Amino acid sequence: MASITIQIPDQEALEYDLDAIEQLTIGRGPDNDVVLEHVSMSGSHAQIQNLGGTFQLNDLGSTNGTFVNGAQIEEVVLESGAQIQFGSVDAVFVDGEIPAETGGDAAAEDAGAAEDAQVGFGVEMAEVSNRPDNFKDLSPIEKVEKKSALGQIAILIGVVGILAAIALIAISTTMQAA
């Protein structure tokens, strides 16, 4: 059985059976077979074609590219255990059993423990994404950096000082009126 397991950051893994399809389109646009709402995805990002049991992955001119085993591709025939990146969304292609050199034994051991937690083959995803040099974040929202605790304390002290000054002015005005 050929399948692709897609791991969107901070979401549960998604698994798709590829044996019964002729082609599968992947992207952020609503007209795709697999719609992935992630900022690194293009509207029409990639396509997987079933060529009689051989699966070919095509990049559809995406902005952040499609990578297989770390190499940017335009078109490639997928082999079992291939590590795929659609922008910064990770995926694994499996056709039958996972080859031993890609960690099939460890994946099989992890599959039982992870079976209740998530869909997929128990394939371990990398903790850190190897983003390509030309990666572009298309989000219109700027990334918010966390402020230091010292800066937040200084702001809090300033706000308390302003409130105290307003209270003193109110009290002195009340006393002068009396």
N, C-alpha and C. Protein backbone atom coordinates (compact mmCIF):
# COMPACT_ATOMS: atom_id res chain seq x y z
N MET A 1 0.83 -1.18 0.00
CA MET A 1 0.00 0.00 0.00
C MET A 1 0.88 1.25 0.00
N ALA A 2 0.66 2.12 -0.98
CA ALA A 2 1.40 3.37 -1.05
C ALA A 2 0.61 4.46 -0.35
N SER A 3 1.31 5.25 0.46
CA SER A 3 0.63 6.34 1.16
C SER A 3 1.61 7.46 1.42
N ILE A 4 1.03 8.62 1.74
CA ILE A 4 1.83 9.76 2.16
C ILE A 4 1.26 10.25 3.49
N THR A 5 2.16 10.47 4.45
CA THR A 5 1.78 10.99 5.76
C THR A 5 2.33 12.41 5.84
N ILE A 6 1.43 13.37 6.05
CA ILE A 6 1.80 14.79 6.06
C ILE A 6 1.69 15.30 7.49
N GLN A 7 2.76 15.96 7.96
CA GLN A 7 2.78 16.51 9.31
C GLN A 7 2.82 18.03 9.23
N ILE A 8 1.65 18.65 9.44
CA ILE A 8 1.57 20.10 9.49
C ILE A 8 2.02 20.52 10.89
N PRO A 9 2.91 21.51 11.02
CA PRO A 9 3.35 21.92 12.36
C PRO A 9 2.18 22.21 13.28
N ASP A 10 2.26 21.70 14.51
CA ASP A 10 1.26 21.91 15.57
C ASP A 10 -0.10 21.29 15.26
N GLN A 11 -0.14 20.30 14.37
CA GLN A 11 -1.40 19.61 14.07
C GLN A 11 -1.14 18.11 14.01
N GLU A 12 -2.23 17.35 14.03
CA GLU A 12 -2.13 15.90 13.95
C GLU A 12 -1.74 15.51 12.52
N ALA A 13 -0.97 14.44 12.39
CA ALA A 13 -0.53 13.96 11.08
C ALA A 13 -1.72 13.51 10.24
N LEU A 14 -1.62 13.73 8.93
CA LEU A 14 -2.66 13.32 7.98
C LEU A 14 -2.08 12.24 7.07
N GLU A 15 -2.83 11.16 6.86
CA GLU A 15 -2.35 10.07 6.01
C GLU A 15 -3.30 9.88 4.84
N TYR A 16 -2.75 9.75 3.62
CA TYR A 16 -3.54 9.57 2.42
C TYR A 16 -3.08 8.31 1.68
N ASP A 17 -4.04 7.44 1.35
CA ASP A 17 -3.78 6.24 0.56
C ASP A 17 -3.66 6.66 -0.90
N LEU A 18 -2.57 6.31 -1.55
CA LEU A 18 -2.34 6.74 -2.92
C LEU A 18 -2.65 5.67 -3.97
N ASP A 19 -2.90 4.43 -3.55
CA ASP A 19 -3.12 3.35 -4.50
C ASP A 19 -4.36 3.56 -5.36
N ALA A 20 -5.40 4.15 -4.80
CA ALA A 20 -6.68 4.27 -5.49
C ALA A 20 -6.83 5.56 -6.30
N ILE A 21 -5.81 6.36 -6.37
CA ILE A 21 -5.93 7.65 -7.06
C ILE A 21 -5.06 7.69 -8.31
N GLU A 22 -5.47 8.54 -9.27
CA GLU A 22 -4.63 8.77 -10.44
C GLU A 22 -3.68 9.93 -10.18
N GLN A 23 -4.22 10.96 -9.52
CA GLN A 23 -3.38 12.09 -9.15
C GLN A 23 -3.94 12.75 -7.90
N LEU A 24 -3.05 13.38 -7.15
CA LEU A 24 -3.42 14.05 -5.91
C LEU A 24 -2.73 15.41 -5.92
N THR A 25 -3.53 16.49 -5.85
CA THR A 25 -2.95 17.82 -5.81
C THR A 25 -2.90 18.30 -4.36
N ILE A 26 -1.83 19.02 -4.03
CA ILE A 26 -1.59 19.48 -2.68
C ILE A 26 -1.30 20.98 -2.73
N GLY A 27 -1.97 21.74 -1.86
CA GLY A 27 -1.73 23.18 -1.82
C GLY A 27 -2.65 23.86 -0.84
N ARG A 28 -2.54 25.18 -0.79
CA ARG A 28 -3.35 25.98 0.13
C ARG A 28 -4.71 26.33 -0.48
N GLY A 29 -4.83 26.30 -1.80
CA GLY A 29 -6.07 26.68 -2.48
C GLY A 29 -7.17 25.65 -2.29
N PRO A 30 -8.44 26.09 -2.29
CA PRO A 30 -9.57 25.19 -2.05
C PRO A 30 -9.82 24.18 -3.18
N ASP A 31 -9.22 24.39 -4.35
CA ASP A 31 -9.42 23.47 -5.47
C ASP A 31 -8.49 22.26 -5.44
N ASN A 32 -7.64 22.13 -4.42
CA ASN A 32 -6.72 21.00 -4.30
C ASN A 32 -7.41 19.80 -3.65
N ASP A 33 -6.89 18.60 -3.93
CA ASP A 33 -7.39 17.39 -3.28
C ASP A 33 -7.03 17.41 -1.79
N VAL A 34 -5.83 17.89 -1.48
CA VAL A 34 -5.38 18.02 -0.09
C VAL A 34 -5.12 19.51 0.14
N VAL A 35 -5.95 20.13 0.97
CA VAL A 35 -5.81 21.55 1.27
C VAL A 35 -5.07 21.68 2.59
N LEU A 36 -3.89 22.32 2.54
CA LEU A 36 -3.06 22.51 3.73
C LEU A 36 -2.95 24.00 4.02
N GLU A 37 -3.62 24.43 5.07
CA GLU A 37 -3.60 25.83 5.47
C GLU A 37 -2.31 26.12 6.24
N HIS A 38 -1.25 26.40 5.51
CA HIS A 38 0.03 26.74 6.14
C HIS A 38 0.68 27.83 5.31
N VAL A 39 1.31 28.80 5.98
CA VAL A 39 1.86 29.97 5.30
C VAL A 39 2.94 29.63 4.28
N SER A 40 3.62 28.51 4.42
CA SER A 40 4.69 28.17 3.48
C SER A 40 4.19 27.47 2.23
N MET A 41 2.89 27.17 2.19
CA MET A 41 2.30 26.46 1.05
C MET A 41 1.82 27.46 0.00
N SER A 42 2.01 27.10 -1.27
CA SER A 42 1.45 27.90 -2.37
C SER A 42 0.02 27.44 -2.62
N GLY A 43 -0.72 28.23 -3.37
CA GLY A 43 -2.10 27.88 -3.70
C GLY A 43 -2.20 26.52 -4.35
N SER A 44 -1.38 26.28 -5.36
CA SER A 44 -1.23 24.96 -5.99
C SER A 44 0.24 24.61 -5.86
N HIS A 45 0.57 23.80 -4.87
CA HIS A 45 1.97 23.59 -4.51
C HIS A 45 2.60 22.41 -5.27
N ALA A 46 1.96 21.23 -5.18
CA ALA A 46 2.56 20.04 -5.78
C ALA A 46 1.48 19.06 -6.21
N GLN A 47 1.92 18.04 -6.95
CA GLN A 47 1.01 17.03 -7.46
C GLN A 47 1.71 15.67 -7.42
N ILE A 48 0.98 14.65 -6.98
CA ILE A 48 1.49 13.27 -7.01
C ILE A 48 0.67 12.52 -8.03
N GLN A 49 1.35 11.87 -8.98
CA GLN A 49 0.67 11.09 -10.02
C GLN A 49 0.97 9.62 -9.82
N ASN A 50 -0.07 8.79 -9.95
CA ASN A 50 0.07 7.34 -9.89
C ASN A 50 0.22 6.86 -11.33
N LEU A 51 1.43 6.44 -11.67
CA LEU A 51 1.72 5.97 -13.02
C LEU A 51 1.79 4.45 -13.02
N GLY A 52 0.67 3.81 -12.72
CA GLY A 52 0.62 2.35 -12.70
C GLY A 52 1.43 1.74 -11.57
N GLY A 53 1.35 2.31 -10.39
CA GLY A 53 2.07 1.79 -9.22
C GLY A 53 3.38 2.49 -8.94
N THR A 54 3.83 3.33 -9.86
CA THR A 54 4.99 4.19 -9.63
C THR A 54 4.45 5.59 -9.38
N PHE A 55 4.98 6.25 -8.37
CA PHE A 55 4.43 7.54 -7.97
C PHE A 55 5.43 8.65 -8.27
N GLN A 56 4.96 9.62 -9.03
CA GLN A 56 5.79 10.75 -9.43
C GLN A 56 5.30 12.01 -8.75
N LEU A 57 6.23 12.76 -8.14
CA LEU A 57 5.92 14.02 -7.47
C LEU A 57 6.38 15.17 -8.35
N ASN A 58 5.49 16.12 -8.59
CA ASN A 58 5.80 17.30 -9.39
C ASN A 58 5.57 18.56 -8.57
N ASP A 59 6.53 19.47 -8.58
CA ASP A 59 6.32 20.79 -7.99
C ASP A 59 5.57 21.62 -9.04
N LEU A 60 4.57 22.36 -8.62
CA LEU A 60 3.75 23.13 -9.56
C LEU A 60 4.15 24.61 -9.59
N GLY A 61 5.45 24.87 -9.49
CA GLY A 61 5.93 26.26 -9.52
C GLY A 61 5.72 26.97 -8.20
N SER A 62 5.78 26.24 -7.09
CA SER A 62 5.54 26.81 -5.77
C SER A 62 6.61 27.83 -5.41
N THR A 63 6.25 28.77 -4.55
CA THR A 63 7.18 29.81 -4.12
C THR A 63 8.30 29.25 -3.25
N ASN A 64 7.95 28.40 -2.27
CA ASN A 64 8.95 27.87 -1.33
C ASN A 64 9.49 26.51 -1.71
N GLY A 65 9.08 25.98 -2.84
CA GLY A 65 9.67 24.76 -3.37
C GLY A 65 9.17 23.48 -2.73
N THR A 66 9.51 22.39 -3.41
CA THR A 66 9.24 21.03 -2.94
C THR A 66 10.58 20.32 -2.89
N PHE A 67 10.83 19.64 -1.77
CA PHE A 67 12.12 18.99 -1.55
C PHE A 67 11.90 17.52 -1.24
N VAL A 68 12.76 16.67 -1.79
CA VAL A 68 12.74 15.25 -1.49
C VAL A 68 14.12 14.87 -0.98
N ASN A 69 14.16 14.35 0.23
CA ASN A 69 15.42 13.98 0.89
C ASN A 69 16.42 15.13 0.87
N GLY A 70 15.92 16.35 1.06
CA GLY A 70 16.77 17.53 1.16
C GLY A 70 17.10 18.23 -0.15
N ALA A 71 16.77 17.62 -1.30
CA ALA A 71 17.09 18.23 -2.59
C ALA A 71 15.83 18.81 -3.22
N GLN A 72 15.95 20.06 -3.71
CA GLN A 72 14.79 20.70 -4.35
C GLN A 72 14.52 19.99 -5.66
N ILE A 73 13.24 19.75 -5.94
CA ILE A 73 12.87 19.01 -7.14
C ILE A 73 11.83 19.79 -7.93
N GLU A 74 11.76 19.46 -9.21
CA GLU A 74 10.65 19.89 -10.06
C GLU A 74 9.80 18.67 -10.37
N GLU A 75 10.48 17.52 -10.53
CA GLU A 75 9.79 16.27 -10.84
C GLU A 75 10.70 15.13 -10.38
N VAL A 76 10.10 14.14 -9.67
CA VAL A 76 10.89 13.01 -9.20
C VAL A 76 9.99 11.80 -9.01
N VAL A 77 10.53 10.60 -9.26
CA VAL A 77 9.82 9.37 -8.94
C VAL A 77 10.11 9.06 -7.48
N LEU A 78 9.05 8.87 -6.69
CA LEU A 78 9.20 8.67 -5.25
C LEU A 78 9.59 7.24 -4.93
N GLU A 79 10.47 7.10 -3.97
CA GLU A 79 10.85 5.79 -3.44
C GLU A 79 10.36 5.70 -2.01
N SER A 80 10.07 4.48 -1.57
CA SER A 80 9.55 4.29 -0.22
C SER A 80 10.50 4.86 0.82
N GLY A 81 9.95 5.59 1.76
CA GLY A 81 10.74 6.22 2.82
C GLY A 81 11.20 7.62 2.48
N ALA A 82 10.82 8.13 1.30
CA ALA A 82 11.26 9.47 0.88
C ALA A 82 10.73 10.52 1.86
N GLN A 83 11.63 11.40 2.30
CA GLN A 83 11.28 12.52 3.18
C GLN A 83 10.98 13.72 2.29
N ILE A 84 9.75 14.23 2.36
CA ILE A 84 9.30 15.30 1.48
C ILE A 84 9.03 16.55 2.30
N GLN A 85 9.34 17.71 1.71
CA GLN A 85 8.98 18.99 2.32
C GLN A 85 8.24 19.81 1.28
N PHE A 86 7.01 20.21 1.62
CA PHE A 86 6.24 21.16 0.82
C PHE A 86 6.40 22.49 1.55
N GLY A 87 7.32 23.36 1.12
CA GLY A 87 7.64 24.56 1.90
C GLY A 87 8.24 24.09 3.21
N SER A 88 7.57 24.36 4.34
CA SER A 88 8.07 23.87 5.63
C SER A 88 7.13 22.81 6.22
N VAL A 89 6.29 22.22 5.40
CA VAL A 89 5.42 21.13 5.83
C VAL A 89 6.09 19.81 5.47
N ASP A 90 6.34 18.97 6.48
CA ASP A 90 7.03 17.70 6.28
C ASP A 90 6.07 16.58 5.92
N ALA A 91 6.56 15.64 5.12
CA ALA A 91 5.75 14.48 4.74
C ALA A 91 6.69 13.30 4.50
N VAL A 92 6.11 12.09 4.56
CA VAL A 92 6.87 10.87 4.29
C VAL A 92 6.05 10.02 3.32
N PHE A 93 6.70 9.56 2.26
CA PHE A 93 6.05 8.66 1.30
C PHE A 93 6.47 7.24 1.63
N VAL A 94 5.48 6.33 1.70
CA VAL A 94 5.77 4.93 1.99
C VAL A 94 5.04 4.09 0.96
N ASP A 95 5.76 3.16 0.35
CA ASP A 95 5.17 2.22 -0.61
C ASP A 95 5.50 0.83 -0.12
N GLY A 96 4.56 0.19 0.58
CA GLY A 96 4.82 -1.11 1.19
C GLY A 96 5.53 -0.90 2.50
N GLU A 97 6.65 -1.56 2.69
CA GLU A 97 7.43 -1.46 3.93
C GLU A 97 8.45 -0.34 3.81
N ILE A 98 8.78 0.28 4.94
CA ILE A 98 9.81 1.31 4.99
C ILE A 98 11.16 0.62 4.92
N PRO A 99 12.05 1.04 4.00
CA PRO A 99 13.37 0.42 3.92
C PRO A 99 14.14 0.57 5.22
N ALA A 100 15.00 -0.42 5.53
CA ALA A 100 15.75 -0.44 6.79
C ALA A 100 16.63 0.79 6.97
N GLU A 101 17.26 1.30 5.89
CA GLU A 101 18.16 2.43 6.03
C GLU A 101 17.46 3.73 6.40
N THR A 102 16.12 3.78 6.29
CA THR A 102 15.41 5.00 6.69
C THR A 102 14.80 4.85 8.07
N GLY A 103 15.15 3.78 8.78
CA GLY A 103 14.66 3.65 10.14
C GLY A 103 13.41 2.82 10.25
N GLY A 104 13.23 1.84 9.38
CA GLY A 104 12.03 1.02 9.38
C GLY A 104 11.83 0.28 10.69
N ASP A 105 12.92 -0.27 11.30
CA ASP A 105 12.77 -1.01 12.56
C ASP A 105 12.33 -0.08 13.68
N ALA A 106 12.95 1.09 13.78
CA ALA A 106 12.56 2.05 14.82
C ALA A 106 11.14 2.54 14.58
N ALA A 107 10.80 2.74 13.30
CA ALA A 107 9.45 3.20 12.99
C ALA A 107 8.43 2.13 13.36
N ALA A 108 8.76 0.87 13.14
CA ALA A 108 7.83 -0.20 13.48
C ALA A 108 7.64 -0.29 14.99
N GLU A 109 8.72 -0.11 15.78
CA GLU A 109 8.61 -0.14 17.23
C GLU A 109 7.79 1.04 17.74
N ASP A 110 8.03 2.22 17.14
CA ASP A 110 7.31 3.42 17.57
C ASP A 110 5.85 3.39 17.14
N ALA A 111 5.52 2.64 16.10
CA ALA A 111 4.16 2.65 15.55
C ALA A 111 3.15 2.18 16.59
N GLY A 112 3.50 1.15 17.36
CA GLY A 112 2.57 0.66 18.37
C GLY A 112 2.30 1.71 19.43
N ALA A 113 3.33 2.38 19.90
CA ALA A 113 3.17 3.39 20.95
C ALA A 113 2.46 4.62 20.42
N ALA A 114 2.72 4.98 19.17
CA ALA A 114 2.13 6.19 18.61
C ALA A 114 0.78 5.96 17.96
N GLU A 115 0.36 4.70 17.86
CA GLU A 115 -0.86 4.38 17.14
C GLU A 115 -2.07 5.11 17.71
N ASP A 116 -2.19 5.17 19.03
CA ASP A 116 -3.32 5.86 19.64
C ASP A 116 -3.17 7.37 19.56
N ALA A 117 -1.95 7.87 19.46
CA ALA A 117 -1.71 9.31 19.52
C ALA A 117 -1.89 9.99 18.17
N GLN A 118 -1.53 9.33 17.07
CA GLN A 118 -1.61 10.00 15.78
C GLN A 118 -1.74 9.00 14.65
N VAL A 119 -2.19 9.48 13.52
CA VAL A 119 -2.32 8.67 12.33
C VAL A 119 -0.93 8.58 11.71
N GLY A 120 -0.61 7.48 11.06
CA GLY A 120 0.66 7.40 10.34
C GLY A 120 1.40 6.12 10.66
N PHE A 121 2.65 6.10 10.32
CA PHE A 121 3.47 4.92 10.45
C PHE A 121 4.43 5.00 11.61
N GLY A 122 4.34 6.02 12.44
CA GLY A 122 5.26 6.17 13.55
C GLY A 122 6.61 6.65 13.08
N VAL A 123 6.69 7.23 11.88
CA VAL A 123 7.94 7.74 11.36
C VAL A 123 8.30 9.00 12.14
N GLU A 124 9.50 9.06 12.61
CA GLU A 124 9.92 10.20 13.42
C GLU A 124 10.25 11.39 12.54
N MET A 125 9.58 12.50 12.79
CA MET A 125 9.84 13.73 12.05
C MET A 125 10.98 14.49 12.74
N ALA A 126 11.71 15.24 11.96
CA ALA A 126 12.83 16.01 12.50
C ALA A 126 12.32 17.09 13.44
N GLU A 127 13.06 17.35 14.50
CA GLU A 127 12.72 18.41 15.44
C GLU A 127 12.95 19.79 14.82
N VAL A 128 13.97 19.90 13.96
CA VAL A 128 14.31 21.16 13.34
C VAL A 128 14.16 21.01 11.83
N SER A 129 13.49 21.95 11.22
CA SER A 129 13.30 21.92 9.77
C SER A 129 14.53 22.51 9.09
N ASN A 130 14.99 21.87 8.04
CA ASN A 130 16.10 22.40 7.26
C ASN A 130 15.52 23.26 6.15
N ARG A 131 15.23 24.51 6.48
CA ARG A 131 14.62 25.39 5.49
C ARG A 131 15.65 25.75 4.43
N PRO A 132 15.21 25.78 3.19
CA PRO A 132 16.13 26.19 2.12
C PRO A 132 16.48 27.67 2.24
N ASP A 133 17.60 28.06 1.62
CA ASP A 133 18.06 29.44 1.68
C ASP A 133 17.05 30.42 1.10
N ASN A 134 16.30 29.97 0.08
CA ASN A 134 15.37 30.87 -0.58
C ASN A 134 13.95 30.78 -0.02
N PHE A 135 13.80 30.28 1.21
CA PHE A 135 12.48 30.15 1.84
C PHE A 135 11.89 31.52 2.09
N LYS A 136 10.60 31.67 1.75
CA LYS A 136 9.90 32.94 1.96
C LYS A 136 8.64 32.66 2.77
N ASP A 137 8.43 33.41 3.83
CA ASP A 137 7.21 33.31 4.61
C ASP A 137 6.21 34.28 3.99
N LEU A 138 5.11 33.75 3.46
CA LEU A 138 4.14 34.58 2.76
C LEU A 138 3.06 35.16 3.65
N SER A 139 3.17 34.95 4.94
CA SER A 139 2.15 35.43 5.86
C SER A 139 2.14 36.95 5.90
N PRO A 140 0.94 37.57 5.80
CA PRO A 140 0.87 39.02 5.90
C PRO A 140 1.01 39.52 7.34
N ILE A 141 1.03 38.59 8.28
CA ILE A 141 1.13 38.94 9.70
C ILE A 141 2.58 38.87 10.13
N GLU A 142 3.06 39.96 10.73
CA GLU A 142 4.45 39.99 11.19
C GLU A 142 4.62 39.07 12.39
N LYS A 143 5.77 38.43 12.47
CA LYS A 143 6.05 37.56 13.60
C LYS A 143 6.30 38.44 14.83
N VAL A 144 5.61 38.10 15.91
CA VAL A 144 5.74 38.87 17.15
C VAL A 144 6.83 38.23 18.00
N GLU A 145 7.81 39.04 18.33
CA GLU A 145 8.89 38.56 19.19
C GLU A 145 8.49 38.79 20.64
N LYS A 146 8.78 37.83 21.49
CA LYS A 146 8.47 37.99 22.91
C LYS A 146 9.39 39.04 23.52
N LYS A 147 8.81 39.87 24.35
CA LYS A 147 9.60 40.91 25.00
C LYS A 147 10.25 40.32 26.26
N SER A 148 11.34 40.91 26.66
CA SER A 148 12.04 40.41 27.85
C SER A 148 11.22 40.72 29.10
N ALA A 149 11.40 39.92 30.13
CA ALA A 149 10.69 40.10 31.40
C ALA A 149 11.08 41.44 32.03
N LEU A 150 12.33 41.83 31.91
CA LEU A 150 12.80 43.10 32.48
C LEU A 150 12.07 44.28 31.84
N GLY A 151 11.89 44.24 30.54
CA GLY A 151 11.17 45.29 29.83
C GLY A 151 9.71 45.36 30.26
N GLN A 152 9.09 44.21 30.45
CA GLN A 152 7.69 44.18 30.89
C GLN A 152 7.55 44.73 32.31
N ILE A 153 8.50 44.44 33.17
CA ILE A 153 8.48 44.96 34.55
C ILE A 153 8.63 46.48 34.52
N ALA A 154 9.51 46.99 33.69
CA ALA A 154 9.71 48.45 33.58
C ALA A 154 8.44 49.13 33.11
N ILE A 155 7.74 48.53 32.16
CA ILE A 155 6.47 49.11 31.68
C ILE A 155 5.44 49.10 32.80
N LEU A 156 5.36 48.00 33.54
CA LEU A 156 4.41 47.89 34.65
C LEU A 156 4.68 48.95 35.71
N ILE A 157 5.94 49.18 36.07
CA ILE A 157 6.31 50.20 37.05
C ILE A 157 5.92 51.59 36.53
N GLY A 158 6.12 51.83 35.25
CA GLY A 158 5.75 53.11 34.65
C GLY A 158 4.25 53.35 34.72
N VAL A 159 3.46 52.32 34.42
CA VAL A 159 2.00 52.44 34.47
C VAL A 159 1.54 52.70 35.90
N VAL A 160 2.11 51.99 36.87
CA VAL A 160 1.75 52.19 38.28
C VAL A 160 2.12 53.61 38.71
N GLY A 161 3.26 54.12 38.27
CA GLY A 161 3.68 55.48 38.60
C GLY A 161 2.71 56.52 38.05
N ILE A 162 2.27 56.32 36.82
CA ILE A 162 1.32 57.26 36.21
C ILE A 162 -0.01 57.24 36.98
N LEU A 163 -0.49 56.05 37.33
CA LEU A 163 -1.73 55.93 38.10
C LEU A 163 -1.59 56.59 39.47
N ALA A 164 -0.44 56.44 40.11
CA ALA A 164 -0.21 57.07 41.41
C ALA A 164 -0.21 58.58 41.28
N ALA A 165 0.39 59.11 40.22
CA ALA A 165 0.41 60.55 40.01
C ALA A 165 -1.00 61.08 39.79
N ILE A 166 -1.81 60.37 39.03
CA ILE A 166 -3.20 60.77 38.80
C ILE A 166 -3.97 60.75 40.12
N ALA A 167 -3.75 59.73 40.95
CA ALA A 167 -4.43 59.64 42.24
C ALA A 167 -4.02 60.80 43.14
N LEU A 168 -2.73 61.18 43.18
CA LEU A 168 -2.26 62.30 43.99
C LEU A 168 -2.89 63.61 43.54
N ILE A 169 -2.99 63.80 42.23
CA ILE A 169 -3.61 65.01 41.70
C ILE A 169 -5.07 65.07 42.09
N ALA A 170 -5.76 63.94 42.00
CA ALA A 170 -7.19 63.89 42.37
C ALA A 170 -7.37 64.19 43.86
N ILE A 171 -6.51 63.61 44.70
CA ILE A 171 -6.61 63.83 46.15
C ILE A 171 -6.32 65.29 46.50
N SER A 172 -5.27 65.88 45.88
CA SER A 172 -4.93 67.27 46.20
C SER A 172 -6.02 68.22 45.71
N THR A 173 -6.62 67.95 44.57
CA THR A 173 -7.72 68.77 44.07
C THR A 173 -8.92 68.69 45.01
N THR A 174 -9.22 67.49 45.50
CA THR A 174 -10.34 67.29 46.43
C THR A 174 -10.07 68.04 47.74
N MET A 175 -8.84 68.00 48.26
CA MET A 175 -8.51 68.67 49.52
C MET A 175 -8.53 70.19 49.36
N GLN A 176 -8.11 70.73 48.24
CA GLN A 176 -8.13 72.16 48.02
C GLN A 176 -9.56 72.67 47.90
N ALA A 177 -10.45 71.87 47.34
CA ALA A 177 -11.85 72.26 47.18
C ALA A 177 -12.55 72.28 48.55
N ALA A 178 -12.10 71.48 49.46
CA ALA A 178 -12.76 71.39 50.77
C ALA A 178 -12.30 72.44 51.69
